[in-house]
Amino acid sequence: MSDQNVRNAGFTSSGIAGGSLASWMMSREARASGGGVHSGGPTSTLQEMGARGSTHSSGFTSSGLSRGSQASQMMSQEARSHGGGIPRGGTTSTVQSISMGGKGGRR
C-alpha cells in the first residue's frame, strides 16, 4: 500500500506527474532552496522510491516505520542532526506521511 500511495502522490517510474502533490512539493522545495531540489531531500527521496517501488521495502509502511530498516536509520540520523527531534516537513516525516496516504505536510 505504501508504494501505491507514493505513486498516487505523483512520484512515478516515469517521473513526477504534472499537477500532482509531487509537482507541488518539487516546486515548493525548489523555490525554498533558490531553484533546485537537493539530493536526499523529501522530493528526491520520494521520487527515487516511487521510481523503484521501494518505499515499503525501505521500511516506510502504511502502518509506520519498520524497526531496523533503512527508514528507521534515516529517522535516527535526522533526529540526531536536529537535536533529538524529527522536524515537520523533513525528509523522514514527509516520506512517512505520503507512505501512509497523507499529504506530506501540505494543507
Protein backbone atom coordinates (compact mmCIF):
# COMPACT_ATOMS: atom_id res chain seq x y z
CA MET A 1 0.00 0.00 0.00
CA SER A 2 2.78 2.48 0.80
CA ASP A 3 4.28 2.11 -2.70
CA GLN A 4 0.85 2.76 -4.24
CA ASN A 5 0.35 5.84 -2.03
CA VAL A 6 3.66 7.25 -3.25
CA ARG A 7 2.66 6.65 -6.89
CA ASN A 8 -0.77 8.19 -6.21
CA ALA A 9 1.01 11.32 -4.94
CA GLY A 10 2.69 11.61 -8.36
CA PHE A 11 6.10 10.01 -7.78
CA THR A 12 6.17 7.53 -10.65
CA SER A 13 8.63 5.39 -12.60
CA SER A 14 8.40 7.87 -15.49
CA GLY A 15 8.99 10.95 -13.32
CA ILE A 16 6.93 13.42 -11.35
CA ALA A 17 3.36 13.70 -12.62
CA GLY A 18 2.24 17.20 -13.59
CA GLY A 19 -0.43 18.77 -11.40
CA SER A 20 0.20 16.29 -8.59
CA LEU A 21 1.19 16.60 -4.95
CA ALA A 22 4.68 15.59 -6.12
CA SER A 23 4.90 18.52 -8.54
CA TRP A 24 3.67 20.91 -5.85
CA MET A 25 6.33 19.59 -3.45
CA MET A 26 9.06 19.85 -6.08
CA SER A 27 8.10 23.44 -6.89
CA ARG A 28 7.94 24.44 -3.22
CA GLU A 29 11.28 22.80 -2.41
CA ALA A 30 12.98 24.37 -5.45
CA ARG A 31 11.73 27.86 -4.56
CA ALA A 32 12.88 27.45 -0.94
CA SER A 33 16.37 26.41 -1.98
CA GLY A 34 16.90 29.01 -4.67
CA GLY A 35 15.96 26.96 -7.71
CA GLY A 36 16.96 23.34 -7.21
CA VAL A 37 15.86 20.19 -5.45
CA HIS A 38 18.58 18.79 -3.21
CA SER A 39 19.65 15.16 -3.20
CA GLY A 40 18.44 13.48 -0.02
CA GLY A 41 15.55 15.89 0.47
CA PRO A 42 11.88 14.86 0.56
CA THR A 43 11.20 15.27 -3.16
CA SER A 44 14.29 13.43 -4.42
CA THR A 45 13.89 10.65 -1.84
CA LEU A 46 10.24 10.09 -2.72
CA GLN A 47 10.95 10.20 -6.46
CA GLU A 48 13.69 7.60 -6.12
CA MET A 49 11.43 5.34 -4.07
CA GLY A 50 8.48 5.90 -6.39
CA ALA A 51 10.52 5.06 -9.46
CA ARG A 52 11.83 1.88 -7.88
CA GLY A 53 8.67 0.92 -5.99
CA SER A 54 10.86 0.57 -2.91
CA THR A 55 9.01 2.62 -0.29
CA HIS A 56 7.68 -0.39 1.61
CA SER A 57 10.88 -2.44 1.28
CA SER A 58 12.85 0.55 2.64
CA GLY A 59 10.75 0.42 5.81
CA PHE A 60 8.21 3.18 5.16
CA THR A 61 4.96 1.25 5.54
CA SER A 62 1.32 2.25 5.69
CA SER A 63 1.40 1.46 9.44
CA GLY A 64 4.66 3.23 10.33
CA LEU A 65 8.42 2.71 10.13
CA SER A 66 9.79 -0.83 10.29
CA ARG A 67 12.27 -1.50 13.09
CA GLY A 68 15.86 -1.96 11.89
CA SER A 69 15.07 -0.70 8.37
CA GLN A 70 16.63 1.94 6.14
CA ALA A 71 13.70 4.16 7.15
CA SER A 72 14.45 3.82 10.86
CA GLN A 73 18.13 4.57 10.23
CA MET A 74 17.11 7.67 8.26
CA MET A 75 14.85 8.80 11.11
CA SER A 76 17.58 8.26 13.70
CA GLN A 77 20.14 10.21 11.67
CA GLU A 78 17.71 13.07 11.05
CA ALA A 79 16.76 13.20 14.75
CA ARG A 80 20.44 13.37 15.80
CA SER A 81 21.12 16.19 13.35
CA HIS A 82 18.15 18.18 14.75
CA GLY A 83 18.91 17.76 18.44
CA GLY A 84 16.68 14.74 19.04
CA GLY A 85 13.50 15.52 17.12
CA ILE A 86 12.17 14.97 13.63
CA PRO A 87 11.25 18.31 12.05
CA ARG A 88 7.88 18.77 10.42
CA GLY A 89 8.45 18.88 6.69
CA GLY A 90 11.74 16.99 6.98
CA THR A 91 12.59 14.05 4.77
CA THR A 92 11.54 11.29 7.19
CA SER A 93 8.23 12.84 8.23
CA THR A 94 7.29 13.75 4.66
CA VAL A 95 8.11 10.32 3.22
CA GLN A 96 6.25 8.59 6.05
CA SER A 97 3.22 10.84 5.68
CA ILE A 98 2.90 10.14 1.97
CA SER A 99 3.59 6.42 2.51
CA MET A 100 0.55 6.37 4.79
CA GLY A 101 -1.61 8.17 2.23
CA GLY A 102 -1.17 11.65 3.72
CA LYS A 103 -0.29 14.92 2.07
CA GLY A 104 3.31 15.24 3.26
CA GLY A 105 2.64 18.39 5.27
CA ARG A 106 0.56 20.06 2.57
CA ARG A 107 -2.63 21.61 3.92
